[in-house]
Amino acid sequence: MLAFSLWNAIWIVFVSFVFIAVLMMMFSVITDIFRDHELSGWGKAAWLIALLFFTFLTLIVYVIVRGDGMVKRSAKEQVEAKQSFDAYVRDVAGGGAASELEKASALHNEGKIDDAEYAALKAKILG
């Protein structure tokens, strides 16, 4: 009796893993279908209908036929997200080297730092 329930538990874990893996693949494919701007509306609809009725076959065919483009679109989106985040951080942080140099110049012009300190700050910012 114990062996039977143990194998049932192992089977349930395996089936749950496969189910979750298929769901993740479906969401990845659906996301990629809508991310692709070169695919027409009818093409998107055809892929979605095929995915709905022939799930496993459509997933396999989609990955084989359009897998390379799927990777490229995903990488492009990640690069764009990183660039957007970096631009946001630069804007919030107050610029970069040019902004720091401008602040140092303002301090020098106000007489709060002398020529040597300004030169050291400038070398540090630029170098």
C-alpha atoms as a PDB file:
ATOM      1  CA  MET A   1       0.000   0.000   0.000  1.00  0.00           C
ATOM      2  CA  LEU A   2       2.850   2.394   0.789  1.00  0.00           C
ATOM      3  CA  ALA A   3       4.559   1.746  -2.557  1.00  0.00           C
ATOM      4  CA  PHE A   4       1.330   2.434  -4.417  1.00  0.00           C
ATOM      5  CA  SER A   5       0.827   5.807  -2.755  1.00  0.00           C
ATOM      6  CA  LEU A   6       4.514   6.683  -3.215  1.00  0.00           C
ATOM      7  CA  TRP A   7       4.323   6.035  -6.969  1.00  0.00           C
ATOM      8  CA  ASN A   8       1.088   8.029  -7.135  1.00  0.00           C
ATOM      9  CA  ALA A   9       2.840  10.960  -5.469  1.00  0.00           C
ATOM     10  CA  ILE A  10       5.789  10.691  -7.870  1.00  0.00           C
ATOM     11  CA  TRP A  11       3.392  10.537 -10.836  1.00  0.00           C
ATOM     12  CA  ILE A  12       1.470  13.602  -9.623  1.00  0.00           C
ATOM     13  CA  VAL A  13       4.724  15.554  -9.229  1.00  0.00           C
ATOM     14  CA  PHE A  14       5.860  14.535 -12.732  1.00  0.00           C
ATOM     15  CA  VAL A  15       2.524  15.396 -14.355  1.00  0.00           C
ATOM     16  CA  SER A  16       2.433  18.735 -12.504  1.00  0.00           C
ATOM     17  CA  PHE A  17       5.959  19.535 -13.705  1.00  0.00           C
ATOM     18  CA  VAL A  18       5.057  18.748 -17.328  1.00  0.00           C
ATOM     19  CA  PHE A  19       1.830  20.775 -17.070  1.00  0.00           C
ATOM     20  CA  ILE A  20       3.651  23.819 -15.692  1.00  0.00           C
ATOM     21  CA  ALA A  21       6.409  23.483 -18.314  1.00  0.00           C
ATOM     22  CA  VAL A  22       3.828  23.386 -21.128  1.00  0.00           C
ATOM     23  CA  LEU A  23       2.031  26.419 -19.681  1.00  0.00           C
ATOM     24  CA  MET A  24       5.305  28.354 -19.524  1.00  0.00           C
ATOM     25  CA  MET A  25       6.092  27.412 -23.126  1.00  0.00           C
ATOM     26  CA  MET A  26       2.607  28.481 -24.214  1.00  0.00           C
ATOM     27  CA  PHE A  27       2.949  31.871 -22.530  1.00  0.00           C
ATOM     28  CA  SER A  28       6.390  32.355 -24.096  1.00  0.00           C
ATOM     29  CA  VAL A  29       5.042  31.529 -27.551  1.00  0.00           C
ATOM     30  CA  ILE A  30       1.951  33.723 -27.119  1.00  0.00           C
ATOM     31  CA  THR A  31       4.151  36.610 -25.952  1.00  0.00           C
ATOM     32  CA  ASP A  32       6.428  36.119 -28.946  1.00  0.00           C
ATOM     33  CA  ILE A  33       3.480  36.001 -31.350  1.00  0.00           C
ATOM     34  CA  PHE A  34       2.300  39.413 -30.177  1.00  0.00           C
ATOM     35  CA  ARG A  35       5.864  40.805 -29.972  1.00  0.00           C
ATOM     36  CA  ASP A  36       6.559  40.047 -33.652  1.00  0.00           C
ATOM     37  CA  HIS A  37       5.669  43.107 -35.733  1.00  0.00           C
ATOM     38  CA  GLU A  38       6.456  41.365 -39.030  1.00  0.00           C
ATOM     39  CA  LEU A  39       3.723  38.742 -38.551  1.00  0.00           C
ATOM     40  CA  SER A  40       0.321  39.780 -39.903  1.00  0.00           C
ATOM     41  CA  GLY A  41      -2.857  39.734 -37.869  1.00  0.00           C
ATOM     42  CA  TRP A  42      -4.102  36.679 -39.762  1.00  0.00           C
ATOM     43  CA  GLY A  43      -0.822  34.900 -39.091  1.00  0.00           C
ATOM     44  CA  LYS A  44      -1.092  35.673 -35.387  1.00  0.00           C
ATOM     45  CA  ALA A  45      -4.668  34.420 -35.332  1.00  0.00           C
ATOM     46  CA  ALA A  46      -3.690  31.217 -37.146  1.00  0.00           C
ATOM     47  CA  TRP A  47      -0.878  30.490 -34.698  1.00  0.00           C
ATOM     48  CA  LEU A  48      -3.173  31.140 -31.717  1.00  0.00           C
ATOM     49  CA  ILE A  49      -5.944  28.909 -33.077  1.00  0.00           C
ATOM     50  CA  ALA A  50      -3.435  26.152 -33.821  1.00  0.00           C
ATOM     51  CA  LEU A  51      -2.013  26.564 -30.328  1.00  0.00           C
ATOM     52  CA  LEU A  52      -5.471  26.249 -28.830  1.00  0.00           C
ATOM     53  CA  PHE A  53      -6.483  23.059 -30.692  1.00  0.00           C
ATOM     54  CA  PHE A  54      -3.122  21.317 -31.271  1.00  0.00           C
ATOM     55  CA  THR A  55      -1.077  22.525 -28.302  1.00  0.00           C
ATOM     56  CA  PHE A  56       1.916  20.145 -28.263  1.00  0.00           C
ATOM     57  CA  LEU A  57       2.319  19.926 -32.023  1.00  0.00           C
ATOM     58  CA  THR A  58       2.021  23.689 -32.439  1.00  0.00           C
ATOM     59  CA  LEU A  59       4.564  24.359 -29.673  1.00  0.00           C
ATOM     60  CA  ILE A  60       7.077  22.034 -31.292  1.00  0.00           C
ATOM     61  CA  VAL A  61       6.499  23.419 -34.792  1.00  0.00           C
ATOM     62  CA  TYR A  62       6.650  27.042 -33.578  1.00  0.00           C
ATOM     63  CA  VAL A  63       9.951  26.501 -31.779  1.00  0.00           C
ATOM     64  CA  ILE A  64      11.439  24.744 -34.821  1.00  0.00           C
ATOM     65  CA  VAL A  65      10.170  27.233 -37.422  1.00  0.00           C
ATOM     66  CA  ARG A  66      10.380  30.524 -35.520  1.00  0.00           C
ATOM     67  CA  GLY A  67      12.743  29.753 -32.622  1.00  0.00           C
ATOM     68  CA  ASP A  68      15.648  31.807 -33.967  1.00  0.00           C
ATOM     69  CA  GLY A  69      13.476  34.890 -34.385  1.00  0.00           C
ATOM     70  CA  MET A  70      12.003  34.274 -30.943  1.00  0.00           C
ATOM     71  CA  VAL A  71      15.471  34.468 -29.391  1.00  0.00           C
ATOM     72  CA  LYS A  72      16.384  37.603 -31.362  1.00  0.00           C
ATOM     73  CA  ARG A  73      13.160  39.413 -30.398  1.00  0.00           C
ATOM     74  CA  SER A  74      13.639  38.486 -26.744  1.00  0.00           C
ATOM     75  CA  ALA A  75      17.252  39.687 -26.740  1.00  0.00           C
ATOM     76  CA  LYS A  76      16.258  42.922 -28.494  1.00  0.00           C
ATOM     77  CA  GLU A  77      13.574  43.579 -25.890  1.00  0.00           C
ATOM     78  CA  GLN A  78      16.047  42.975 -23.055  1.00  0.00           C
ATOM     79  CA  VAL A  79      18.580  45.374 -24.596  1.00  0.00           C
ATOM     80  CA  GLU A  80      15.890  48.045 -25.033  1.00  0.00           C
ATOM     81  CA  ALA A  81      14.732  47.571 -21.427  1.00  0.00           C
ATOM     82  CA  LYS A  82      18.309  47.921 -20.155  1.00  0.00           C
ATOM     83  CA  GLN A  83      18.909  51.055 -22.217  1.00  0.00           C
ATOM     84  CA  SER A  84      15.660  52.547 -20.968  1.00  0.00           C
ATOM     85  CA  PHE A  85      16.554  51.728 -17.368  1.00  0.00           C
ATOM     86  CA  ASP A  86      20.073  53.156 -17.753  1.00  0.00           C
ATOM     87  CA  ALA A  87      18.673  56.372 -19.240  1.00  0.00           C
ATOM     88  CA  TYR A  88      16.203  56.632 -16.364  1.00  0.00           C
ATOM     89  CA  VAL A  89      18.948  56.139 -13.783  1.00  0.00           C
ATOM     90  CA  ARG A  90      21.133  58.773 -15.481  1.00  0.00           C
ATOM     91  CA  ASP A  91      18.236  61.254 -15.471  1.00  0.00           C
ATOM     92  CA  VAL A  92      17.389  60.615 -11.832  1.00  0.00           C
ATOM     93  CA  ALA A  93      21.017  60.577 -10.679  1.00  0.00           C
ATOM     94  CA  GLY A  94      21.685  63.917 -12.289  1.00  0.00           C
ATOM     95  CA  GLY A  95      23.660  63.344 -15.425  1.00  0.00           C
ATOM     96  CA  GLY A  96      27.115  61.896 -15.514  1.00  0.00           C
ATOM     97  CA  ALA A  97      30.609  63.200 -16.068  1.00  0.00           C
ATOM     98  CA  ALA A  98      29.374  66.410 -17.705  1.00  0.00           C
ATOM     99  CA  SER A  99      27.105  67.166 -14.766  1.00  0.00           C
ATOM    100  CA  GLU A 100      29.871  66.476 -12.241  1.00  0.00           C
ATOM    101  CA  LEU A 101      32.276  68.678 -14.189  1.00  0.00           C
ATOM    102  CA  GLU A 102      29.683  71.448 -14.279  1.00  0.00           C
ATOM    103  CA  LYS A 103      29.241  71.234 -10.494  1.00  0.00           C
ATOM    104  CA  ALA A 104      32.989  71.339  -9.939  1.00  0.00           C
ATOM    105  CA  SER A 105      33.272  74.349 -12.256  1.00  0.00           C
ATOM    106  CA  ALA A 106      30.521  76.133 -10.350  1.00  0.00           C
ATOM    107  CA  LEU A 107      32.308  75.496  -7.053  1.00  0.00           C
ATOM    108  CA  HIS A 108      35.549  76.819  -8.568  1.00  0.00           C
ATOM    109  CA  ASN A 109      33.854  79.938  -9.948  1.00  0.00           C
ATOM    110  CA  GLU A 110      32.254  80.644  -6.567  1.00  0.00           C
ATOM    111  CA  GLY A 111      35.663  80.415  -4.929  1.00  0.00           C
ATOM    112  CA  LYS A 112      34.781  77.437  -2.738  1.00  0.00           C
ATOM    113  CA  ILE A 113      37.624  75.373  -4.178  1.00  0.00           C
ATOM    114  CA  ASP A 114      40.981  76.577  -5.468  1.00  0.00           C
ATOM    115  CA  ASP A 115      42.705  75.852  -8.775  1.00  0.00           C
ATOM    116  CA  ALA A 116      44.532  72.751  -7.520  1.00  0.00           C
ATOM    117  CA  GLU A 117      41.366  71.188  -6.083  1.00  0.00           C
ATOM    118  CA  TYR A 118      39.484  71.974  -9.289  1.00  0.00           C
ATOM    119  CA  ALA A 119      42.219  70.386 -11.402  1.00  0.00           C
ATOM    120  CA  ALA A 120      42.209  67.288  -9.164  1.00  0.00           C
ATOM    121  CA  LEU A 121      38.407  67.000  -9.402  1.00  0.00           C
ATOM    122  CA  LYS A 122      38.500  67.490 -13.150  1.00  0.00           C
ATOM    123  CA  ALA A 123      41.186  64.807 -13.570  1.00  0.00           C
ATOM    124  CA  LYS A 124      39.185  62.420 -11.377  1.00  0.00           C
ATOM    125  CA  ILE A 125      35.941  63.021 -13.320  1.00  0.00           C
ATOM    126  CA  LEU A 126      37.522  62.765 -16.753  1.00  0.00           C
ATOM    127  CA  GLY A 127      40.053  60.065 -15.976  1.00  0.00           C
END
